[in-house]
C-alpha atoms as a PDB file:
ATOM      1  CA  MET A   1     -27.148 -20.581 -25.769  1.00  0.00           C
ATOM      2  CA  ASP A   2     -23.674 -21.598 -26.841  1.00  0.00           C
ATOM      3  CA  MET A   3     -20.787 -20.139 -24.729  1.00  0.00           C
ATOM      4  CA  THR A   4     -19.372 -18.327 -27.728  1.00  0.00           C
ATOM      5  CA  ASP A   5     -22.705 -16.423 -28.173  1.00  0.00           C
ATOM      6  CA  ARG A   6     -22.535 -14.869 -24.723  1.00  0.00           C
ATOM      7  CA  PRO A   7     -21.483 -11.227 -24.387  1.00  0.00           C
ATOM      8  CA  THR A   8     -18.216 -10.255 -22.694  1.00  0.00           C
ATOM      9  CA  MET A   9     -17.111  -7.342 -20.575  1.00  0.00           C
ATOM     10  CA  ALA A  10     -15.455  -5.969 -23.718  1.00  0.00           C
ATOM     11  CA  ASP A  11     -18.810  -6.096 -25.495  1.00  0.00           C
ATOM     12  CA  VAL A  12     -20.406  -4.133 -22.652  1.00  0.00           C
ATOM     13  CA  ALA A  13     -17.616  -1.608 -22.767  1.00  0.00           C
ATOM     14  CA  ASP A  14     -18.037  -1.144 -26.531  1.00  0.00           C
ATOM     15  CA  GLN A  15     -21.794  -0.800 -26.176  1.00  0.00           C
ATOM     16  CA  ALA A  16     -21.492   1.829 -23.420  1.00  0.00           C
ATOM     17  CA  GLY A  17     -18.509   3.606 -24.966  1.00  0.00           C
ATOM     18  CA  VAL A  18     -16.289   3.158 -21.928  1.00  0.00           C
ATOM     19  CA  SER A  19     -13.274   1.041 -20.894  1.00  0.00           C
ATOM     20  CA  LYS A  20     -13.398  -2.458 -19.407  1.00  0.00           C
ATOM     21  CA  MET A  21     -12.041  -0.987 -16.205  1.00  0.00           C
ATOM     22  CA  THR A  22     -15.074   1.305 -15.968  1.00  0.00           C
ATOM     23  CA  VAL A  23     -17.438  -1.633 -16.582  1.00  0.00           C
ATOM     24  CA  SER A  24     -15.633  -3.576 -13.795  1.00  0.00           C
ATOM     25  CA  ARG A  25     -15.996  -0.660 -11.398  1.00  0.00           C
ATOM     26  CA  VAL A  26     -19.727  -0.421 -12.086  1.00  0.00           C
ATOM     27  CA  ILE A  27     -20.215  -4.194 -11.647  1.00  0.00           C
ATOM     28  CA  ASN A  28     -18.268  -4.127  -8.381  1.00  0.00           C
ATOM     29  CA  GLN A  29     -20.041  -0.972  -7.135  1.00  0.00           C
ATOM     30  CA  GLN A  30     -16.847   1.018  -6.841  1.00  0.00           C
ATOM     31  CA  THR A  31     -16.520   4.781  -6.655  1.00  0.00           C
ATOM     32  CA  GLY A  32     -15.003   6.999  -9.337  1.00  0.00           C
ATOM     33  CA  VAL A  33     -17.783   6.514 -11.928  1.00  0.00           C
ATOM     34  CA  SER A  34     -20.343   9.240 -12.660  1.00  0.00           C
ATOM     35  CA  GLU A  35     -24.034   8.446 -12.325  1.00  0.00           C
ATOM     36  CA  GLU A  36     -24.547   9.090 -16.039  1.00  0.00           C
ATOM     37  CA  THR A  37     -21.784   6.625 -16.984  1.00  0.00           C
ATOM     38  CA  ARG A  38     -22.964   4.083 -14.431  1.00  0.00           C
ATOM     39  CA  ALA A  39     -26.489   4.229 -15.929  1.00  0.00           C
ATOM     40  CA  ARG A  40     -25.100   3.848 -19.444  1.00  0.00           C
ATOM     41  CA  VAL A  41     -23.083   0.757 -18.425  1.00  0.00           C
ATOM     42  CA  LEU A  42     -26.002  -0.819 -16.566  1.00  0.00           C
ATOM     43  CA  GLY A  43     -28.179  -0.214 -19.604  1.00  0.00           C
ATOM     44  CA  ALA A  44     -25.662  -1.960 -21.862  1.00  0.00           C
ATOM     45  CA  ILE A  45     -25.458  -4.937 -19.427  1.00  0.00           C
ATOM     46  CA  ASP A  46     -29.260  -5.202 -19.489  1.00  0.00           C
ATOM     47  CA  ARG A  47     -29.536  -4.987 -23.278  1.00  0.00           C
ATOM     48  CA  LEU A  48     -26.765  -7.517 -23.904  1.00  0.00           C
ATOM     49  CA  GLY A  49     -27.717  -9.898 -21.095  1.00  0.00           C
ATOM     50  CA  TYR A  50     -24.132  -9.886 -19.833  1.00  0.00           C
ATOM     51  CA  VAL A  51     -23.202 -12.321 -17.051  1.00  0.00           C
ATOM     52  CA  LEU A  52     -19.959 -11.769 -15.073  1.00  0.00           C
ATOM     53  CA  SER A  53     -16.912 -14.000 -15.278  1.00  0.00           C
ATOM     54  CA  GLN A  54     -17.446 -15.901 -18.506  1.00  0.00           C
ATOM     55  CA  ARG A  55     -13.885 -17.054 -18.919  1.00  0.00           C
ATOM     56  CA  GLY A  56     -14.426 -19.386 -21.882  1.00  0.00           C
ATOM     57  CA  ARG A  57     -15.806 -16.565 -24.065  1.00  0.00           C
ATOM     58  CA  SER A  58     -13.057 -14.123 -23.092  1.00  0.00           C
ATOM     59  CA  LEU A  59     -10.373 -16.704 -23.943  1.00  0.00           C
ATOM     60  CA  SER A  60     -11.895 -17.241 -27.368  1.00  0.00           C
ATOM     61  CA  VAL A  61     -11.625 -13.582 -28.289  1.00  0.00           C
ATOM     62  CA  GLY A  62      -8.078 -13.152 -27.025  1.00  0.00           C
ATOM     63  CA  HIS A  63      -8.748 -11.788 -23.489  1.00  0.00           C
ATOM     64  CA  SER A  64      -8.201 -14.134 -20.592  1.00  0.00           C
ATOM     65  CA  GLU A  65      -9.205 -11.645 -17.882  1.00  0.00           C
ATOM     66  CA  VAL A  66      -6.235 -13.036 -15.953  1.00  0.00           C
ATOM     67  CA  LEU A  67      -3.207 -10.934 -14.940  1.00  0.00           C
ATOM     68  CA  GLY A  68       0.230 -12.397 -14.456  1.00  0.00           C
ATOM     69  CA  MET A  69       2.509 -11.487 -11.559  1.00  0.00           C
ATOM     70  CA  LEU A  70       6.168 -12.436 -11.432  1.00  0.00           C
ATOM     71  CA  VAL A  71       8.005 -12.197  -8.098  1.00  0.00           C
ATOM     72  CA  LEU A  72      11.290 -13.370  -6.659  1.00  0.00           C
ATOM     73  CA  ASP A  73      10.380 -14.986  -3.366  1.00  0.00           C
ATOM     74  CA  VAL A  74       6.932 -15.047  -1.793  1.00  0.00           C
ATOM     75  CA  THR A  75       8.468 -15.396   1.713  1.00  0.00           C
ATOM     76  CA  SER A  76       9.896 -11.857   1.553  1.00  0.00           C
ATOM     77  CA  GLU A  77       8.187  -9.535   4.072  1.00  0.00           C
ATOM     78  CA  TRP A  78       7.682  -6.759   1.532  1.00  0.00           C
ATOM     79  CA  VAL A  79       6.331  -8.992  -1.223  1.00  0.00           C
ATOM     80  CA  TRP A  80       3.210 -10.175   0.606  1.00  0.00           C
ATOM     81  CA  PRO A  81       1.450  -6.794   0.796  1.00  0.00           C
ATOM     82  CA  LEU A  82       2.242  -6.294  -2.901  1.00  0.00           C
ATOM     83  CA  ILE A  83       0.624  -9.631  -3.723  1.00  0.00           C
ATOM     84  CA  ILE A  84      -2.384  -8.745  -1.587  1.00  0.00           C
ATOM     85  CA  GLY A  85      -2.712  -5.375  -3.317  1.00  0.00           C
ATOM     86  CA  VAL A  86      -2.552  -6.929  -6.795  1.00  0.00           C
ATOM     87  CA  GLY A  87      -4.932  -9.716  -5.943  1.00  0.00           C
ATOM     88  CA  GLN A  88      -7.576  -7.511  -4.367  1.00  0.00           C
ATOM     89  CA  ALA A  89      -7.462  -4.909  -7.129  1.00  0.00           C
ATOM     90  CA  ALA A  90      -7.626  -7.544  -9.835  1.00  0.00           C
ATOM     91  CA  GLU A  91     -10.630  -9.180  -8.239  1.00  0.00           C
ATOM     92  CA  ALA A  92     -12.395  -5.859  -7.781  1.00  0.00           C
ATOM     93  CA  LEU A  93     -11.927  -5.092 -11.462  1.00  0.00           C
ATOM     94  CA  GLY A  94     -13.169  -8.475 -12.668  1.00  0.00           C
ATOM     95  CA  TYR A  95      -9.799 -10.172 -13.203  1.00  0.00           C
ATOM     96  CA  GLN A  96      -7.969 -13.061 -11.647  1.00  0.00           C
ATOM     97  CA  MET A  97      -4.286 -13.153 -10.707  1.00  0.00           C
ATOM     98  CA  LEU A  98      -1.796 -15.848 -11.717  1.00  0.00           C
ATOM     99  CA  LEU A  99       1.374 -15.794  -9.581  1.00  0.00           C
ATOM    100  CA  ARG A 100       4.742 -17.139 -10.655  1.00  0.00           C
ATOM    101  CA  THR A 101       7.983 -17.029  -8.592  1.00  0.00           C
ATOM    102  CA  THR A 102      11.529 -17.087  -9.922  1.00  0.00           C
ATOM    103  CA  GLY A 103      12.811 -18.512  -6.666  1.00  0.00           C
ATOM    104  CA  PRO A 104      15.694 -17.113  -4.622  1.00  0.00           C
ATOM    105  CA  GLY A 105      19.234 -17.392  -5.793  1.00  0.00           C
ATOM    106  CA  ALA A 106      20.560 -16.942  -9.315  1.00  0.00           C
ATOM    107  CA  VAL A 107      19.198 -14.391 -11.711  1.00  0.00           C
ATOM    108  CA  ALA A 108      16.227 -15.827 -13.592  1.00  0.00           C
ATOM    109  CA  SER A 109      16.549 -16.380 -17.341  1.00  0.00           C
ATOM    110  CA  PHE A 110      13.596 -15.904 -19.667  1.00  0.00           C
ATOM    111  CA  ASP A 111      13.241 -16.344 -23.403  1.00  0.00           C
ATOM    112  CA  THR A 112      11.901 -13.031 -24.654  1.00  0.00           C
ATOM    113  CA  ASN A 113      10.679 -14.711 -27.801  1.00  0.00           C
ATOM    114  CA  LEU A 114       7.954 -16.481 -25.815  1.00  0.00           C
ATOM    115  CA  PRO A 115       5.184 -14.824 -23.817  1.00  0.00           C
ATOM    116  CA  PRO A 116       5.492 -15.448 -20.075  1.00  0.00           C
ATOM    117  CA  PHE A 117       3.128 -18.031 -18.573  1.00  0.00           C
ATOM    118  CA  GLY A 118       2.654 -19.365 -22.092  1.00  0.00           C
ATOM    119  CA  GLY A 119       0.466 -18.260 -24.988  1.00  0.00           C
ATOM    120  CA  ASP A 120      -2.543 -16.102 -24.203  1.00  0.00           C
ATOM    121  CA  LEU A 121      -2.952 -17.342 -20.630  1.00  0.00           C
ATOM    122  CA  VAL A 122      -2.642 -13.826 -19.188  1.00  0.00           C
ATOM    123  CA  ASP A 123      -3.543 -10.402 -20.549  1.00  0.00           C
ATOM    124  CA  GLY A 124      -0.370  -8.778 -19.222  1.00  0.00           C
ATOM    125  CA  LEU A 125       2.389  -9.088 -16.697  1.00  0.00           C
ATOM    126  CA  ILE A 126       3.447  -7.290 -13.468  1.00  0.00           C
ATOM    127  CA  ILE A 127       7.134  -7.894 -12.688  1.00  0.00           C
ATOM    128  CA  VAL A 128       8.363  -7.266  -9.144  1.00  0.00           C
ATOM    129  CA  SER A 129      11.410  -9.496  -9.120  1.00  0.00           C
ATOM    130  CA  TRP A 130      14.908  -7.973  -9.068  1.00  0.00           C
ATOM    131  CA  ARG A 131      16.142 -11.280 -10.403  1.00  0.00           C
ATOM    132  CA  VAL A 132      14.400 -10.760 -13.725  1.00  0.00           C
ATOM    133  CA  PRO A 133      16.642  -8.649 -16.063  1.00  0.00           C
ATOM    134  CA  VAL A 134      15.064  -5.335 -17.016  1.00  0.00           C
ATOM    135  CA  ASP A 135      15.909  -6.168 -20.649  1.00  0.00           C
ATOM    136  CA  PHE A 136      13.193  -8.822 -20.443  1.00  0.00           C
ATOM    137  CA  ALA A 137      10.584  -6.147 -19.620  1.00  0.00           C
ATOM    138  CA  ARG A 138      11.965  -3.885 -22.360  1.00  0.00           C
ATOM    139  CA  ALA A 139      11.728  -6.676 -24.919  1.00  0.00           C
ATOM    140  CA  LEU A 140       8.088  -7.422 -23.967  1.00  0.00           C
ATOM    141  CA  ALA A 141       7.213  -3.706 -24.225  1.00  0.00           C
ATOM    142  CA  ARG A 142       8.822  -3.451 -27.659  1.00  0.00           C
ATOM    143  CA  ARG A 143       6.545  -6.341 -28.759  1.00  0.00           C
ATOM    144  CA  HIS A 144       3.537  -4.442 -27.394  1.00  0.00           C
ATOM    145  CA  TYR A 145       3.012  -7.017 -24.647  1.00  0.00           C
ATOM    146  CA  PRO A 146       1.395  -5.213 -21.639  1.00  0.00           C
ATOM    147  CA  VAL A 147       3.962  -5.098 -18.810  1.00  0.00           C
ATOM    148  CA  VAL A 148       4.375  -3.045 -15.622  1.00  0.00           C
ATOM    149  CA  LEU A 149       7.471  -2.969 -13.414  1.00  0.00           C
ATOM    150  CA  ILE A 150       7.421  -2.567  -9.632  1.00  0.00           C
ATOM    151  CA  ASP A 151      10.765  -1.726  -8.005  1.00  0.00           C
ATOM    152  CA  ALA A 152      13.078  -3.218 -10.636  1.00  0.00           C
ATOM    153  CA  TYR A 153      16.866  -3.051 -10.404  1.00  0.00           C
ATOM    154  CA  GLU A 154      16.819  -0.273 -12.968  1.00  0.00           C
ATOM    155  CA  ARG A 155      14.180   2.251 -14.020  1.00  0.00           C
ATOM    156  CA  PRO A 156      13.792   2.086 -17.820  1.00  0.00           C
ATOM    157  CA  THR A 157      11.927   5.029 -19.411  1.00  0.00           C
ATOM    158  CA  SER A 158      10.248   2.737 -21.959  1.00  0.00           C
ATOM    159  CA  VAL A 159       8.278   0.576 -19.508  1.00  0.00           C
ATOM    160  CA  ASN A 160       5.380   1.425 -17.202  1.00  0.00           C
ATOM    161  CA  TRP A 161       6.583   1.674 -13.625  1.00  0.00           C
ATOM    162  CA  VAL A 162       5.146   1.799 -10.080  1.00  0.00           C
ATOM    163  CA  SER A 163       7.209   2.533  -6.976  1.00  0.00           C
ATOM    164  CA  ALA A 164       7.319   4.794  -3.938  1.00  0.00           C
ATOM    165  CA  ASP A 165       8.979   8.178  -3.419  1.00  0.00           C
ATOM    166  CA  ASP A 166      11.919   6.653  -1.596  1.00  0.00           C
ATOM    167  CA  ARG A 167      14.047   9.738  -1.902  1.00  0.00           C
ATOM    168  CA  SER A 168      11.517  11.821   0.006  1.00  0.00           C
ATOM    169  CA  GLY A 169      11.136   9.056   2.612  1.00  0.00           C
ATOM    170  CA  ALA A 170      14.912   8.842   3.235  1.00  0.00           C
ATOM    171  CA  ARG A 171      15.086  12.634   3.434  1.00  0.00           C
ATOM    172  CA  GLU A 172      12.473  12.662   6.191  1.00  0.00           C
ATOM    173  CA  ALA A 173      14.247   9.897   8.072  1.00  0.00           C
ATOM    174  CA  ALA A 174      17.533  11.908   8.034  1.00  0.00           C
ATOM    175  CA  LEU A 175      15.734  15.056   9.130  1.00  0.00           C
ATOM    176  CA  HIS A 176      14.125  13.128  11.976  1.00  0.00           C
ATOM    177  CA  LEU A 177      17.522  12.101  13.316  1.00  0.00           C
ATOM    178  CA  ALA A 178      18.910  15.609  12.838  1.00  0.00           C
ATOM    179  CA  ARG A 179      16.009  17.171  14.713  1.00  0.00           C
ATOM    180  CA  LEU A 180      16.549  14.798  17.609  1.00  0.00           C
ATOM    181  CA  GLY A 181      20.056  16.209  17.908  1.00  0.00           C
ATOM    182  CA  HIS A 182      22.147  13.455  16.292  1.00  0.00           C
ATOM    183  CA  ARG A 183      25.297  14.581  14.545  1.00  0.00           C
ATOM    184  CA  ARG A 184      27.366  11.393  14.185  1.00  0.00           C
ATOM    185  CA  ILE A 185      25.225   9.196  11.925  1.00  0.00           C
ATOM    186  CA  GLY A 186      25.922   5.906  10.170  1.00  0.00           C
ATOM    187  CA  PHE A 187      24.316   4.856   6.933  1.00  0.00           C
ATOM    188  CA  ILE A 188      24.008   1.204   5.754  1.00  0.00           C
ATOM    189  CA  GLY A 189      23.315   1.236   2.014  1.00  0.00           C
ATOM    190  CA  GLY A 190      21.442  -1.390  -0.017  1.00  0.00           C
ATOM    191  CA  THR A 191      22.536  -3.392  -3.051  1.00  0.00           C
ATOM    192  CA  GLU A 192      25.144  -1.333  -4.807  1.00  0.00           C
ATOM    193  CA  GLY A 193      23.944   0.054  -8.156  1.00  0.00           C
ATOM    194  CA  ALA A 194      20.252  -0.706  -7.565  1.00  0.00           C
ATOM    195  CA  TYR A 195      17.899   2.139  -8.380  1.00  0.00           C
ATOM    196  CA  LEU A 196      16.161   2.062  -4.982  1.00  0.00           C
ATOM    197  CA  ALA A 197      19.461   1.981  -3.110  1.00  0.00           C
ATOM    198  CA  ARG A 198      20.636   5.066  -5.047  1.00  0.00           C
ATOM    199  CA  GLU A 199      17.422   6.925  -4.344  1.00  0.00           C
ATOM    200  CA  ARG A 200      17.532   6.176  -0.613  1.00  0.00           C
ATOM    201  CA  LEU A 201      21.109   7.289  -0.349  1.00  0.00           C
ATOM    202  CA  ALA A 202      20.452  10.479  -2.283  1.00  0.00           C
ATOM    203  CA  GLY A 203      17.429  11.356  -0.113  1.00  0.00           C
ATOM    204  CA  PHE A 204      19.357  10.596   3.059  1.00  0.00           C
ATOM    205  CA  MET A 205      22.140  12.938   2.061  1.00  0.00           C
ATOM    206  CA  GLU A 206      19.637  15.651   1.110  1.00  0.00           C
ATOM    207  CA  GLY A 207      18.075  15.358   4.554  1.00  0.00           C
ATOM    208  CA  LEU A 208      21.454  15.608   6.271  1.00  0.00           C
ATOM    209  CA  ALA A 209      22.216  18.765   4.301  1.00  0.00           C
ATOM    210  CA  LYS A 210      18.909  20.278   5.207  1.00  0.00           C
ATOM    211  CA  GLY A 211      19.557  19.338   8.856  1.00  0.00           C
ATOM    212  CA  ARG A 212      22.962  21.072   8.666  1.00  0.00           C
ATOM    213  CA  ILE A 213      24.922  17.895   9.337  1.00  0.00           C
ATOM    214  CA  ALA A 214      28.409  17.875   7.814  1.00  0.00           C
ATOM    215  CA  ARG A 215      29.338  14.966   5.512  1.00  0.00           C
ATOM    216  CA  ARG A 216      32.463  14.379   7.549  1.00  0.00           C
ATOM    217  CA  ASP A 217      30.230  13.328  10.483  1.00  0.00           C
ATOM    218  CA  VAL A 218      28.485  10.665   8.384  1.00  0.00           C
ATOM    219  CA  VAL A 219      29.913   7.188   7.897  1.00  0.00           C
ATOM    220  CA  SER A 220      28.484   5.293   4.954  1.00  0.00           C
ATOM    221  CA  VAL A 221      28.958   1.490   4.576  1.00  0.00           C
ATOM    222  CA  GLN A 222      27.633  -0.880   1.951  1.00  0.00           C
ATOM    223  CA  GLY A 223      25.138  -3.676   2.613  1.00  0.00           C
ATOM    224  CA  ASP A 224      23.021  -5.673   0.209  1.00  0.00           C
ATOM    225  CA  PHE A 225      19.503  -5.348   1.718  1.00  0.00           C
ATOM    226  CA  SER A 226      19.964  -8.647   3.695  1.00  0.00           C
ATOM    227  CA  ARG A 227      19.698  -8.943   7.433  1.00  0.00           C
ATOM    228  CA  GLU A 228      23.169 -10.515   7.570  1.00  0.00           C
ATOM    229  CA  SER A 229      24.771  -7.519   5.826  1.00  0.00           C
ATOM    230  CA  GLY A 230      22.983  -5.148   8.220  1.00  0.00           C
ATOM    231  CA  TYR A 231      24.377  -7.135  11.134  1.00  0.00           C
ATOM    232  CA  GLU A 232      27.986  -7.158   9.833  1.00  0.00           C
ATOM    233  CA  GLN A 233      28.000  -3.476   8.783  1.00  0.00           C
ATOM    234  CA  ALA A 234      26.412  -2.291  12.005  1.00  0.00           C
ATOM    235  CA  ARG A 235      29.096  -4.076  14.010  1.00  0.00           C
ATOM    236  CA  CYS A 236      31.707  -2.144  12.081  1.00  0.00           C
ATOM    237  CA  LEU A 237      29.911   1.125  12.736  1.00  0.00           C
ATOM    238  CA  ILE A 238      29.325   0.506  16.430  1.00  0.00           C
ATOM    239  CA  LEU A 239      32.956  -0.489  17.047  1.00  0.00           C
ATOM    240  CA  GLN A 240      34.238   2.745  15.547  1.00  0.00           C
ATOM    241  CA  GLN A 241      35.550   5.533  17.754  1.00  0.00           C
ATOM    242  CA  PRO A 242      33.780   7.842  18.076  1.00  0.00           C
ATOM    243  CA  ARG A 243      30.722   5.614  17.665  1.00  0.00           C
ATOM    244  CA  PRO A 244      27.710   6.966  15.748  1.00  0.00           C
ATOM    245  CA  THR A 245      24.751   7.922  17.891  1.00  0.00           C
ATOM    246  CA  ALA A 246      22.316   6.860  15.160  1.00  0.00           C
ATOM    247  CA  ILE A 247      22.191   4.455  12.216  1.00  0.00           C
ATOM    248  CA  PHE A 248      19.887   4.636   9.213  1.00  0.00           C
ATOM    249  CA  ALA A 249      19.613   1.345   7.290  1.00  0.00           C
ATOM    250  CA  ALA A 250      18.245   1.392   3.757  1.00  0.00           C
ATOM    251  CA  ASN A 251      15.705  -1.329   4.537  1.00  0.00           C
ATOM    252  CA  ASP A 252      14.106  -2.992   7.544  1.00  0.00           C
ATOM    253  CA  ALA A 253      16.000  -6.272   7.146  1.00  0.00           C
ATOM    254  CA  MET A 254      19.342  -4.530   7.556  1.00  0.00           C
ATOM    255  CA  ALA A 255      17.938  -2.424  10.418  1.00  0.00           C
ATOM    256  CA  LEU A 256      16.922  -5.597  12.247  1.00  0.00           C
ATOM    257  CA  GLY A 257      20.372  -6.993  11.669  1.00  0.00           C
ATOM    258  CA  ALA A 258      21.795  -3.803  13.155  1.00  0.00           C
ATOM    259  CA  LEU A 259      19.518  -4.174  16.171  1.00  0.00           C
ATOM    260  CA  GLN A 260      20.888  -7.689  16.756  1.00  0.00           C
ATOM    261  CA  ALA A 261      24.472  -6.396  16.499  1.00  0.00           C
ATOM    262  CA  ALA A 262      23.761  -3.630  18.996  1.00  0.00           C
ATOM    263  CA  ARG A 263      22.375  -6.086  21.506  1.00  0.00           C
ATOM    264  CA  GLU A 264      25.366  -8.466  21.200  1.00  0.00           C
ATOM    265  CA  LEU A 265      27.748  -5.516  21.715  1.00  0.00           C
ATOM    266  CA  GLY A 266      25.883  -4.254  24.771  1.00  0.00           C
ATOM    267  CA  VAL A 267      24.672  -1.075  23.071  1.00  0.00           C
ATOM    268  CA  SER A 268      21.218   0.086  24.122  1.00  0.00           C
ATOM    269  CA  VAL A 269      18.620   1.105  21.489  1.00  0.00           C
ATOM    270  CA  PRO A 270      17.619   3.913  21.677  1.00  0.00           C
ATOM    271  CA  GLY A 271      19.583   4.887  24.820  1.00  0.00           C
ATOM    272  CA  ASP A 272      23.026   4.609  23.215  1.00  0.00           C
ATOM    273  CA  LEU A 273      22.035   4.260  19.570  1.00  0.00           C
ATOM    274  CA  SER A 274      19.018   5.333  17.567  1.00  0.00           C
ATOM    275  CA  LEU A 275      17.991   3.139  14.665  1.00  0.00           C
ATOM    276  CA  VAL A 276      15.852   3.748  11.584  1.00  0.00           C
ATOM    277  CA  GLY A 277      14.795   1.302   8.863  1.00  0.00           C
ATOM    278  CA  PHE A 278      12.900   1.522   5.607  1.00  0.00           C
ATOM    279  CA  ASP A 279       9.794  -0.345   4.311  1.00  0.00           C
ATOM    280  CA  ASN A 280       7.601  -0.728   7.457  1.00  0.00           C
ATOM    281  CA  THR A 281       7.342  -4.503   7.178  1.00  0.00           C
ATOM    282  CA  ASN A 282       5.330  -6.358   9.817  1.00  0.00           C
ATOM    283  CA  LEU A 283       8.350  -7.390  11.877  1.00  0.00           C
ATOM    284  CA  THR A 284       9.206  -3.782  12.679  1.00  0.00           C
ATOM    285  CA  MET A 285       6.198  -3.546  15.032  1.00  0.00           C
ATOM    286  CA  HIS A 286       7.004  -6.688  16.921  1.00  0.00           C
ATOM    287  CA  VAL A 287      10.670  -6.258  17.865  1.00  0.00           C
ATOM    288  CA  ASN A 288      11.947  -4.650  21.069  1.00  0.00           C
ATOM    289  CA  PRO A 289      12.043  -1.704  20.714  1.00  0.00           C
ATOM    290  CA  PRO A 290       9.579  -1.257  17.823  1.00  0.00           C
ATOM    291  CA  LEU A 291      11.467   0.117  14.867  1.00  0.00           C
ATOM    292  CA  THR A 292      11.172   3.671  13.519  1.00  0.00           C
ATOM    293  CA  THR A 293      10.933   3.220   9.762  1.00  0.00           C
ATOM    294  CA  VAL A 294       9.728   4.699   6.471  1.00  0.00           C
ATOM    295  CA  ALA A 295       6.425   3.150   5.307  1.00  0.00           C
ATOM    296  CA  ARG A 296       6.013   2.296   1.638  1.00  0.00           C
ATOM    297  CA  PRO A 297       2.358   1.838   0.450  1.00  0.00           C
ATOM    298  CA  TYR A 298       2.865  -1.660  -0.874  1.00  0.00           C
ATOM    299  CA  GLN A 299      -0.765  -2.631  -1.248  1.00  0.00           C
ATOM    300  CA  LYS A 300      -1.518   0.649  -3.022  1.00  0.00           C
ATOM    301  CA  MET A 301       1.506   0.067  -5.266  1.00  0.00           C
ATOM    302  CA  GLY A 302       0.109  -3.343  -6.233  1.00  0.00           C
ATOM    303  CA  ALA A 303      -3.350  -1.934  -6.917  1.00  0.00           C
ATOM    304  CA  THR A 304      -1.895   0.925  -9.027  1.00  0.00           C
ATOM    305  CA  ALA A 305       0.101  -1.582 -11.079  1.00  0.00           C
ATOM    306  CA  VAL A 306      -3.090  -3.497 -11.809  1.00  0.00           C
ATOM    307  CA  GLU A 307      -4.860  -0.374 -13.021  1.00  0.00           C
ATOM    308  CA  LEU A 308      -1.909   0.518 -15.304  1.00  0.00           C
ATOM    309  CA  LEU A 309      -1.758  -3.013 -16.683  1.00  0.00           C
ATOM    310  CA  ILE A 310      -5.501  -3.168 -17.456  1.00  0.00           C
ATOM    311  CA  GLU A 311      -5.239   0.256 -19.116  1.00  0.00           C
ATOM    312  CA  LEU A 312      -2.468  -1.100 -21.306  1.00  0.00           C
ATOM    313  CA  ALA A 313      -4.331  -4.336 -22.128  1.00  0.00           C
ATOM    314  CA  ASP A 314      -7.472  -2.392 -23.082  1.00  0.00           C
ATOM    315  CA  SER A 315      -5.656   0.055 -25.378  1.00  0.00           C
ATOM    316  CA  ALA A 316      -4.529  -0.395 -28.958  1.00  0.00           C
ATOM    317  CA  PRO A 317      -0.714  -0.645 -29.178  1.00  0.00           C
ATOM    318  CA  ASN A 318      -0.438   2.678 -31.026  1.00  0.00           C
ATOM    319  CA  LYS A 319      -2.427   4.455 -28.299  1.00  0.00           C
ATOM    320  CA  ARG A 320      -0.544   3.163 -25.270  1.00  0.00           C
ATOM    321  CA  ARG A 321       1.432   5.635 -23.172  1.00  0.00           C
ATOM    322  CA  ILE A 322       4.163   5.201 -20.697  1.00  0.00           C
ATOM    323  CA  ARG A 323       3.143   6.057 -17.144  1.00  0.00           C
ATOM    324  CA  GLN A 324       5.553   6.050 -14.190  1.00  0.00           C
ATOM    325  CA  ILE A 325       4.116   6.572 -10.747  1.00  0.00           C
ATOM    326  CA  ASP A 326       5.877   7.085  -7.375  1.00  0.00           C
ATOM    327  CA  LEU A 327       3.505   6.941  -4.435  1.00  0.00           C
ATOM    328  CA  PRO A 328       4.059   8.906  -1.217  1.00  0.00           C
ATOM    329  CA  THR A 329       5.942   7.402   1.731  1.00  0.00           C
ATOM    330  CA  GLU A 330       5.428   8.130   5.427  1.00  0.00           C
ATOM    331  CA  LEU A 331       7.828   8.271   8.304  1.00  0.00           C
ATOM    332  CA  VAL A 332       6.595   6.033  11.153  1.00  0.00           C
ATOM    333  CA  ILE A 333       8.193   7.063  14.452  1.00  0.00           C
ATOM    334  CA  ARG A 334       8.415   4.322  17.074  1.00  0.00           C
ATOM    335  CA  ASP A 335      10.609   3.599  20.062  1.00  0.00           C
ATOM    336  CA  SER A 336      13.975   2.930  18.353  1.00  0.00           C
ATOM    337  CA  THR A 337      14.840   6.640  18.020  1.00  0.00           C
ATOM    338  CA  ALA A 338      15.458   9.215  20.719  1.00  0.00           C
ATOM    339  CA  SER A 339      17.695  12.204  21.398  1.00  0.00           C
ATOM    340  CA  PRO A 340      21.340  11.205  21.992  1.00  0.00           C
ATOM    341  CA  LEU A 341      22.845  11.438  25.477  1.00  0.00           C
ATOM    342  CA  GLN A 342      24.164  14.921  26.157  1.00  0.00           C
ATOM    343  CA  ALA A 343      27.686  13.605  26.622  1.00  0.00           C
ATOM    344  CA  ASP A 344      27.646  12.139  23.103  1.00  0.00           C
ATOM    345  CA  ARG A 345      26.603  15.306  21.360  1.00  0.00           C
ATOM    346  CA  LEU A 346      29.167  17.208  19.345  1.00  0.00           C
END
């Protein structure tokens, strides 16, 4: 039989009256499919003689069954779990993942008149790079190209979006410090103007208010999400008089920079200074002391982005809807936070 005569996953979906995602879940024996639907899909597979992963046929009808993923720098601690989440979810749903990096440094430039990755090589695109202008994603969406953003610099209402509930996570971190008895608290913010930086600052301030901590007792400084900025800004905070008894950094990299600054200045963590980060990257478990931080569900975020992207790719342009999802965060309490010394309390 010629390759072009072979049935595709789309053919099975049409025959069974379901989506391609549902067919993939049946094939991969995943949950979330009723027994009646499963039987209908298996019947369609049997009648059509469908064989999984026939890439040549899918390409010929305009579906590559490949998903594109665009990231800034694969060496970033928080990017790896996203990549794993996307890759595993894509495989489970019968797709492959094609990864492209913009590379660190200058903002990437893309021609919005040309599909990313070239032609019909991918069925849609997940963008997780802050270096890619949001206007690029908006332009793709206007042209009905399936695109999902994860943690972009801005949050456009016209593009599908996946992130975490960072405001809630920062609120819990602030409340944790307040409940320990801290009153003089320093905050190291992330890249100024970035959506996530604004959300984390807002949540932090909400938590302080709920913990009855006056704004005059909070010192806020501006970092840029880099370890170096965390180090420099923490030095400024620690050298102040009176010194804060706790610092909350808007990501783990800056928190680790703050930990380095504290050590160099002879300040004990958590004896003299409690420290909280954000992200729960792998390094936070392997420093001394292990870092209290807010965990973001990166693998789940990646998997959710895949599901949204496939839903877009399988829908007619006039039936697509914008979905924006923020997944729950979790405060992970480790050894870098403790009650302040009685002499340091206000």
